[in-house]
Amino acid sequence: MSETLSLLNESLLTMLQSETFVLLNTVDAETGGPTSTAISWIYAVSPSVVRLAVDHRSRLVNNMKVNPLVTVTVFGDGTVHAINGHAVVRQDPLLDVPFKMCCFDIEIEAVRNALFYGAQLDSAPRYAKVYDQRAADKLDGQVFAAMKKA
């Protein structure tokens, strides 16, 4: 059994202060079942709060407004971290971005190692943006700047 923490450790805090691939797990507002979606617009505000931005066209916005219980799954430091908490609307709509987004703060309740016993990740998952890199960099810059100001 791994130790459960109530705050991000220094390594996770640093990792989540730059662009990071995570899975956001929510409760579907229509079915009541679990959902999991890959996102990269996430930022650690402090050891106790993680902020994320979601396009309003996504079901995630309504999911978190109806049921704020979430888990953020982070791959790194040789393991899989599960960050459990409550999502609270921080800013809706998120200002200074080119389309309608909602910004949420996740108030962290627990952080635990979610990798099965005796295993270690050799590497974290990697992804490539397959559309206009310049446009992607510009949008990412706008979204992260707006999230930090929210």
C-alpha atoms as a PDB file:
ATOM      1  CA  MET A   1       0.000   0.000   0.000  1.00  0.00           C
ATOM      2  CA  SER A   2       1.481   3.322  -0.978  1.00  0.00           C
ATOM      3  CA  GLU A   3       1.408   6.412   1.169  1.00  0.00           C
ATOM      4  CA  THR A   4      -1.382   8.902   0.447  1.00  0.00           C
ATOM      5  CA  LEU A   5      -0.469  12.590   0.590  1.00  0.00           C
ATOM      6  CA  SER A   6      -2.756  15.621   0.646  1.00  0.00           C
ATOM      7  CA  LEU A   7      -0.414  17.926  -1.321  1.00  0.00           C
ATOM      8  CA  LEU A   8       1.734  17.746  -4.439  1.00  0.00           C
ATOM      9  CA  ASN A   9       5.352  16.944  -3.658  1.00  0.00           C
ATOM     10  CA  GLU A  10       8.069  19.203  -5.096  1.00  0.00           C
ATOM     11  CA  SER A  11       8.653  16.952  -8.107  1.00  0.00           C
ATOM     12  CA  LEU A  12       4.956  16.850  -9.096  1.00  0.00           C
ATOM     13  CA  LEU A  13       4.599  20.578  -8.492  1.00  0.00           C
ATOM     14  CA  THR A  14       7.511  21.288 -10.850  1.00  0.00           C
ATOM     15  CA  MET A  15       6.235  18.815 -13.456  1.00  0.00           C
ATOM     16  CA  LEU A  16       2.784  20.408 -13.443  1.00  0.00           C
ATOM     17  CA  GLN A  17       4.158  23.923 -13.901  1.00  0.00           C
ATOM     18  CA  SER A  18       5.083  23.194 -17.516  1.00  0.00           C
ATOM     19  CA  GLU A  19       3.100  21.573 -20.310  1.00  0.00           C
ATOM     20  CA  THR A  20       2.236  18.049 -19.191  1.00  0.00           C
ATOM     21  CA  PHE A  21       0.094  15.276 -20.623  1.00  0.00           C
ATOM     22  CA  VAL A  22      -2.437  13.984 -18.057  1.00  0.00           C
ATOM     23  CA  LEU A  23      -5.695  12.076 -17.969  1.00  0.00           C
ATOM     24  CA  LEU A  24      -8.669  13.905 -16.455  1.00  0.00           C
ATOM     25  CA  ASN A  25     -11.214  11.506 -14.998  1.00  0.00           C
ATOM     26  CA  THR A  26     -14.717  12.825 -14.328  1.00  0.00           C
ATOM     27  CA  VAL A  27     -18.196  11.465 -13.675  1.00  0.00           C
ATOM     28  CA  ASP A  28     -20.352  11.722 -16.820  1.00  0.00           C
ATOM     29  CA  ALA A  29     -23.283  14.057 -16.122  1.00  0.00           C
ATOM     30  CA  GLU A  30     -25.666  12.044 -18.314  1.00  0.00           C
ATOM     31  CA  THR A  31     -24.786   8.426 -17.560  1.00  0.00           C
ATOM     32  CA  GLY A  32     -23.225   8.699 -14.096  1.00  0.00           C
ATOM     33  CA  GLY A  33     -20.368   6.534 -15.338  1.00  0.00           C
ATOM     34  CA  PRO A  34     -16.643   7.275 -15.300  1.00  0.00           C
ATOM     35  CA  THR A  35     -14.941   9.164 -18.137  1.00  0.00           C
ATOM     36  CA  SER A  36     -11.294   9.724 -18.954  1.00  0.00           C
ATOM     37  CA  THR A  37      -9.893  12.372 -21.298  1.00  0.00           C
ATOM     38  CA  ALA A  38      -6.332  13.349 -22.166  1.00  0.00           C
ATOM     39  CA  ILE A  39      -5.576  17.048 -21.599  1.00  0.00           C
ATOM     40  CA  SER A  40      -2.486  19.255 -21.524  1.00  0.00           C
ATOM     41  CA  TRP A  41      -3.878  22.621 -20.387  1.00  0.00           C
ATOM     42  CA  ILE A  42      -3.154  21.997 -16.729  1.00  0.00           C
ATOM     43  CA  TYR A  43      -1.036  24.019 -14.311  1.00  0.00           C
ATOM     44  CA  ALA A  44      -0.099  23.577 -10.632  1.00  0.00           C
ATOM     45  CA  VAL A  45      -0.969  26.839  -8.870  1.00  0.00           C
ATOM     46  CA  SER A  46       0.313  25.579  -5.524  1.00  0.00           C
ATOM     47  CA  PRO A  47       0.889  22.253  -3.755  1.00  0.00           C
ATOM     48  CA  SER A  48      -2.841  22.171  -2.939  1.00  0.00           C
ATOM     49  CA  VAL A  49      -4.426  23.463  -6.189  1.00  0.00           C
ATOM     50  CA  VAL A  50      -4.172  22.374  -9.822  1.00  0.00           C
ATOM     51  CA  ARG A  51      -5.792  24.584 -12.480  1.00  0.00           C
ATOM     52  CA  LEU A  52      -7.043  23.442 -15.867  1.00  0.00           C
ATOM     53  CA  ALA A  53      -8.763  24.900 -18.895  1.00  0.00           C
ATOM     54  CA  VAL A  54     -11.392  23.090 -20.929  1.00  0.00           C
ATOM     55  CA  ASP A  55     -13.044  24.046 -24.233  1.00  0.00           C
ATOM     56  CA  HIS A  56     -16.759  24.736 -23.656  1.00  0.00           C
ATOM     57  CA  ARG A  57     -17.620  22.280 -26.439  1.00  0.00           C
ATOM     58  CA  SER A  58     -16.293  19.466 -24.222  1.00  0.00           C
ATOM     59  CA  ARG A  59     -18.612  17.358 -22.063  1.00  0.00           C
ATOM     60  CA  LEU A  60     -16.036  17.779 -19.296  1.00  0.00           C
ATOM     61  CA  VAL A  61     -17.307  21.271 -18.457  1.00  0.00           C
ATOM     62  CA  ASN A  62     -20.813  20.055 -17.604  1.00  0.00           C
ATOM     63  CA  ASN A  63     -19.458  16.888 -15.984  1.00  0.00           C
ATOM     64  CA  MET A  64     -17.410  18.906 -13.474  1.00  0.00           C
ATOM     65  CA  LYS A  65     -20.182  21.426 -12.857  1.00  0.00           C
ATOM     66  CA  VAL A  66     -22.698  18.649 -12.097  1.00  0.00           C
ATOM     67  CA  ASN A  67     -20.309  16.412 -10.125  1.00  0.00           C
ATOM     68  CA  PRO A  68     -17.056  18.070  -9.021  1.00  0.00           C
ATOM     69  CA  LEU A  69     -15.284  14.833  -8.041  1.00  0.00           C
ATOM     70  CA  VAL A  70     -12.267  14.331 -10.314  1.00  0.00           C
ATOM     71  CA  THR A  71      -9.033  12.409 -10.579  1.00  0.00           C
ATOM     72  CA  VAL A  72      -6.041  13.683 -12.529  1.00  0.00           C
ATOM     73  CA  THR A  73      -3.694  10.882 -13.595  1.00  0.00           C
ATOM     74  CA  VAL A  74      -0.085  12.015 -14.062  1.00  0.00           C
ATOM     75  CA  PHE A  75       2.668   9.855 -15.562  1.00  0.00           C
ATOM     76  CA  GLY A  76       6.145  10.718 -14.322  1.00  0.00           C
ATOM     77  CA  ASP A  77       8.973  10.123 -11.876  1.00  0.00           C
ATOM     78  CA  GLY A  78       8.865   6.440 -12.766  1.00  0.00           C
ATOM     79  CA  THR A  79       5.291   5.995 -11.599  1.00  0.00           C
ATOM     80  CA  VAL A  80       1.631   6.900 -12.111  1.00  0.00           C
ATOM     81  CA  HIS A  81       0.193   9.506  -9.728  1.00  0.00           C
ATOM     82  CA  ALA A  82      -3.531   9.812  -8.998  1.00  0.00           C
ATOM     83  CA  ILE A  83      -4.551  13.279  -7.788  1.00  0.00           C
ATOM     84  CA  ASN A  84      -8.058  13.267  -6.315  1.00  0.00           C
ATOM     85  CA  GLY A  85     -10.033  16.389  -5.596  1.00  0.00           C
ATOM     86  CA  HIS A  86     -12.994  18.672  -6.208  1.00  0.00           C
ATOM     87  CA  ALA A  87     -13.233  20.868  -9.306  1.00  0.00           C
ATOM     88  CA  VAL A  88     -14.453  24.425  -8.745  1.00  0.00           C
ATOM     89  CA  VAL A  89     -15.097  26.936 -11.534  1.00  0.00           C
ATOM     90  CA  ARG A  90     -12.353  29.561 -11.362  1.00  0.00           C
ATOM     91  CA  GLN A  91     -13.306  31.677 -14.387  1.00  0.00           C
ATOM     92  CA  ASP A  92     -16.079  31.168 -16.940  1.00  0.00           C
ATOM     93  CA  PRO A  93     -15.409  32.126 -19.604  1.00  0.00           C
ATOM     94  CA  LEU A  94     -11.612  32.177 -19.398  1.00  0.00           C
ATOM     95  CA  LEU A  95     -10.492  35.647 -20.463  1.00  0.00           C
ATOM     96  CA  ASP A  96      -7.995  36.501 -23.226  1.00  0.00           C
ATOM     97  CA  VAL A  97      -8.316  33.290 -25.236  1.00  0.00           C
ATOM     98  CA  PRO A  98      -9.669  33.081 -28.795  1.00  0.00           C
ATOM     99  CA  PHE A  99     -12.627  30.768 -28.032  1.00  0.00           C
ATOM    100  CA  LYS A 100     -14.934  30.034 -25.120  1.00  0.00           C
ATOM    101  CA  MET A 101     -13.216  28.026 -22.389  1.00  0.00           C
ATOM    102  CA  CYS A 102     -13.904  27.326 -18.737  1.00  0.00           C
ATOM    103  CA  CYS A 103     -11.142  27.442 -16.133  1.00  0.00           C
ATOM    104  CA  PHE A 104     -11.386  25.123 -13.118  1.00  0.00           C
ATOM    105  CA  ASP A 105      -9.351  24.838  -9.941  1.00  0.00           C
ATOM    106  CA  ILE A 106      -9.001  21.376  -8.497  1.00  0.00           C
ATOM    107  CA  GLU A 107      -8.724  21.492  -4.733  1.00  0.00           C
ATOM    108  CA  ILE A 108      -6.477  18.525  -3.987  1.00  0.00           C
ATOM    109  CA  GLU A 109      -7.639  16.052  -1.360  1.00  0.00           C
ATOM    110  CA  ALA A 110      -5.268  13.140  -1.984  1.00  0.00           C
ATOM    111  CA  VAL A 111      -2.192  12.284  -4.037  1.00  0.00           C
ATOM    112  CA  ARG A 112      -1.152   8.662  -4.298  1.00  0.00           C
ATOM    113  CA  ASN A 113       0.995   6.312  -6.303  1.00  0.00           C
ATOM    114  CA  ALA A 114      -1.440   4.462  -8.584  1.00  0.00           C
ATOM    115  CA  LEU A 115       1.027   2.086 -10.239  1.00  0.00           C
ATOM    116  CA  PHE A 116       0.727  -1.571  -9.338  1.00  0.00           C
ATOM    117  CA  TYR A 117       3.155  -3.023  -6.824  1.00  0.00           C
ATOM    118  CA  GLY A 118       6.609  -3.891  -8.099  1.00  0.00           C
ATOM    119  CA  ALA A 119       6.423  -1.825 -11.283  1.00  0.00           C
ATOM    120  CA  GLN A 120       8.190   1.314 -12.432  1.00  0.00           C
ATOM    121  CA  LEU A 121       7.594   3.382 -15.569  1.00  0.00           C
ATOM    122  CA  ASP A 122      10.552   3.386 -17.924  1.00  0.00           C
ATOM    123  CA  SER A 123       9.301   6.612 -19.502  1.00  0.00           C
ATOM    124  CA  ALA A 124       6.311   8.917 -19.428  1.00  0.00           C
ATOM    125  CA  PRO A 125       3.941   8.902 -22.435  1.00  0.00           C
ATOM    126  CA  ARG A 126       4.888  11.396 -25.136  1.00  0.00           C
ATOM    127  CA  TYR A 127       2.703  13.065 -27.710  1.00  0.00           C
ATOM    128  CA  ALA A 128       3.181  15.146 -30.832  1.00  0.00           C
ATOM    129  CA  LYS A 129       0.945  17.963 -32.014  1.00  0.00           C
ATOM    130  CA  VAL A 130      -0.013  17.096 -35.580  1.00  0.00           C
ATOM    131  CA  TYR A 131      -1.376  20.461 -36.640  1.00  0.00           C
ATOM    132  CA  ASP A 132       0.326  23.800 -37.342  1.00  0.00           C
ATOM    133  CA  GLN A 133       3.071  23.954 -34.691  1.00  0.00           C
ATOM    134  CA  ARG A 134       3.204  27.749 -34.745  1.00  0.00           C
ATOM    135  CA  ALA A 135      -0.555  27.992 -34.196  1.00  0.00           C
ATOM    136  CA  ALA A 136      -0.384  25.369 -31.433  1.00  0.00           C
ATOM    137  CA  ASP A 137       2.410  27.237 -29.644  1.00  0.00           C
ATOM    138  CA  LYS A 138       0.512  30.520 -29.903  1.00  0.00           C
ATOM    139  CA  LEU A 139      -2.726  29.015 -28.542  1.00  0.00           C
ATOM    140  CA  ASP A 140      -0.898  27.196 -25.739  1.00  0.00           C
ATOM    141  CA  GLY A 141       0.818  30.443 -24.768  1.00  0.00           C
ATOM    142  CA  GLN A 142      -2.508  32.303 -24.682  1.00  0.00           C
ATOM    143  CA  VAL A 143      -4.254  29.606 -22.643  1.00  0.00           C
ATOM    144  CA  PHE A 144      -1.454  29.179 -20.085  1.00  0.00           C
ATOM    145  CA  ALA A 145      -1.097  32.953 -19.663  1.00  0.00           C
ATOM    146  CA  ALA A 146      -4.855  33.307 -19.126  1.00  0.00           C
ATOM    147  CA  MET A 147      -4.902  30.392 -16.659  1.00  0.00           C
ATOM    148  CA  LYS A 148      -2.104  31.928 -14.617  1.00  0.00           C
ATOM    149  CA  LYS A 149      -3.984  35.253 -14.444  1.00  0.00           C
ATOM    150  CA  ALA A 150      -7.378  33.691 -13.603  1.00  0.00           C
END
